[in-house]
Amino acid sequence: MASYNSAKQVGIANKTGDIVIGKLADIIVLTKNNDIFLTICEGKIAYQQE
């Protein structure tokens, strides 16, 4: 919900802020050690740990 609330505050909640069909998908997946495992920007994989 932190992403949705931030998006709502700046007026872009209609296109980002939560994970639903039709919205921009910007997601970071972390490992249990908080290292970046996967980054998805606008629905496309931008980085994936090997």
C-alpha atoms as a PDB file:
ATOM      1  CA  MET A   1       0.000   0.000   0.000  1.00  0.00           C
ATOM      2  CA  ALA A   2       2.925   2.383   0.419  1.00  0.00           C
ATOM      3  CA  SER A   3       3.322   2.603  -3.351  1.00  0.00           C
ATOM      4  CA  TYR A   4      -0.380   3.268  -3.919  1.00  0.00           C
ATOM      5  CA  ASN A   5      -0.555   5.986  -1.295  1.00  0.00           C
ATOM      6  CA  SER A   6       2.513   7.729  -2.730  1.00  0.00           C
ATOM      7  CA  ALA A   7       1.101   7.511  -6.261  1.00  0.00           C
ATOM      8  CA  LYS A   8      -2.231   8.878  -5.040  1.00  0.00           C
ATOM      9  CA  GLN A   9      -0.523  11.854  -3.358  1.00  0.00           C
ATOM     10  CA  VAL A  10       1.199  12.895  -6.611  1.00  0.00           C
ATOM     11  CA  GLY A  11      -1.846  12.224  -8.800  1.00  0.00           C
ATOM     12  CA  ILE A  12      -0.661   9.181 -10.762  1.00  0.00           C
ATOM     13  CA  ALA A  13      -2.584   6.397  -9.008  1.00  0.00           C
ATOM     14  CA  ASN A  14      -4.596   5.838 -12.187  1.00  0.00           C
ATOM     15  CA  LYS A  15      -1.491   4.427 -13.951  1.00  0.00           C
ATOM     16  CA  THR A  16       0.800   3.154 -11.180  1.00  0.00           C
ATOM     17  CA  GLY A  17       0.910   2.336  -7.466  1.00  0.00           C
ATOM     18  CA  ASP A  18      -0.436  -1.211  -7.309  1.00  0.00           C
ATOM     19  CA  ILE A  19      -0.140  -4.445  -9.271  1.00  0.00           C
ATOM     20  CA  VAL A  20      -3.161  -4.770 -11.552  1.00  0.00           C
ATOM     21  CA  ILE A  21      -3.758  -5.324 -15.262  1.00  0.00           C
ATOM     22  CA  GLY A  22      -3.389  -2.107 -17.233  1.00  0.00           C
ATOM     23  CA  LYS A  23      -1.070  -0.266 -14.855  1.00  0.00           C
ATOM     24  CA  LEU A  24       2.687   0.219 -15.217  1.00  0.00           C
ATOM     25  CA  ALA A  25       4.599  -2.594 -13.546  1.00  0.00           C
ATOM     26  CA  ASP A  26       7.690  -1.282 -11.764  1.00  0.00           C
ATOM     27  CA  ILE A  27       8.779  -3.955  -9.301  1.00  0.00           C
ATOM     28  CA  ILE A  28      11.981  -4.829  -7.446  1.00  0.00           C
ATOM     29  CA  VAL A  29      12.382  -8.355  -6.065  1.00  0.00           C
ATOM     30  CA  LEU A  30      14.966  -8.766  -3.293  1.00  0.00           C
ATOM     31  CA  THR A  31      16.737 -11.845  -1.959  1.00  0.00           C
ATOM     32  CA  LYS A  32      16.555 -12.762   1.715  1.00  0.00           C
ATOM     33  CA  ASN A  33      19.847 -10.816   2.110  1.00  0.00           C
ATOM     34  CA  ASN A  34      18.234  -7.699   0.541  1.00  0.00           C
ATOM     35  CA  ASP A  35      20.272  -7.975  -2.651  1.00  0.00           C
ATOM     36  CA  ILE A  36      18.457  -7.057  -5.865  1.00  0.00           C
ATOM     37  CA  PHE A  37      17.369 -10.253  -7.622  1.00  0.00           C
ATOM     38  CA  LEU A  38      15.028  -8.884 -10.294  1.00  0.00           C
ATOM     39  CA  THR A  39      13.919  -5.479 -11.547  1.00  0.00           C
ATOM     40  CA  ILE A  40      10.883  -4.996 -13.788  1.00  0.00           C
ATOM     41  CA  CYS A  41      10.271  -1.581 -15.371  1.00  0.00           C
ATOM     42  CA  GLU A  42       7.037  -0.877 -17.239  1.00  0.00           C
ATOM     43  CA  GLY A  43       6.334  -4.611 -17.365  1.00  0.00           C
ATOM     44  CA  LYS A  44       9.696  -5.608 -18.870  1.00  0.00           C
ATOM     45  CA  ILE A  45      12.633  -7.266 -17.114  1.00  0.00           C
ATOM     46  CA  ALA A  46      15.356  -4.628 -16.808  1.00  0.00           C
ATOM     47  CA  TYR A  47      17.739  -6.623 -14.611  1.00  0.00           C
ATOM     48  CA  GLN A  48      17.955 -10.216 -13.412  1.00  0.00           C
ATOM     49  CA  GLN A  49      20.663 -11.595 -11.164  1.00  0.00           C
ATOM     50  CA  GLU A  50      22.470 -14.547 -12.700  1.00  0.00           C
END
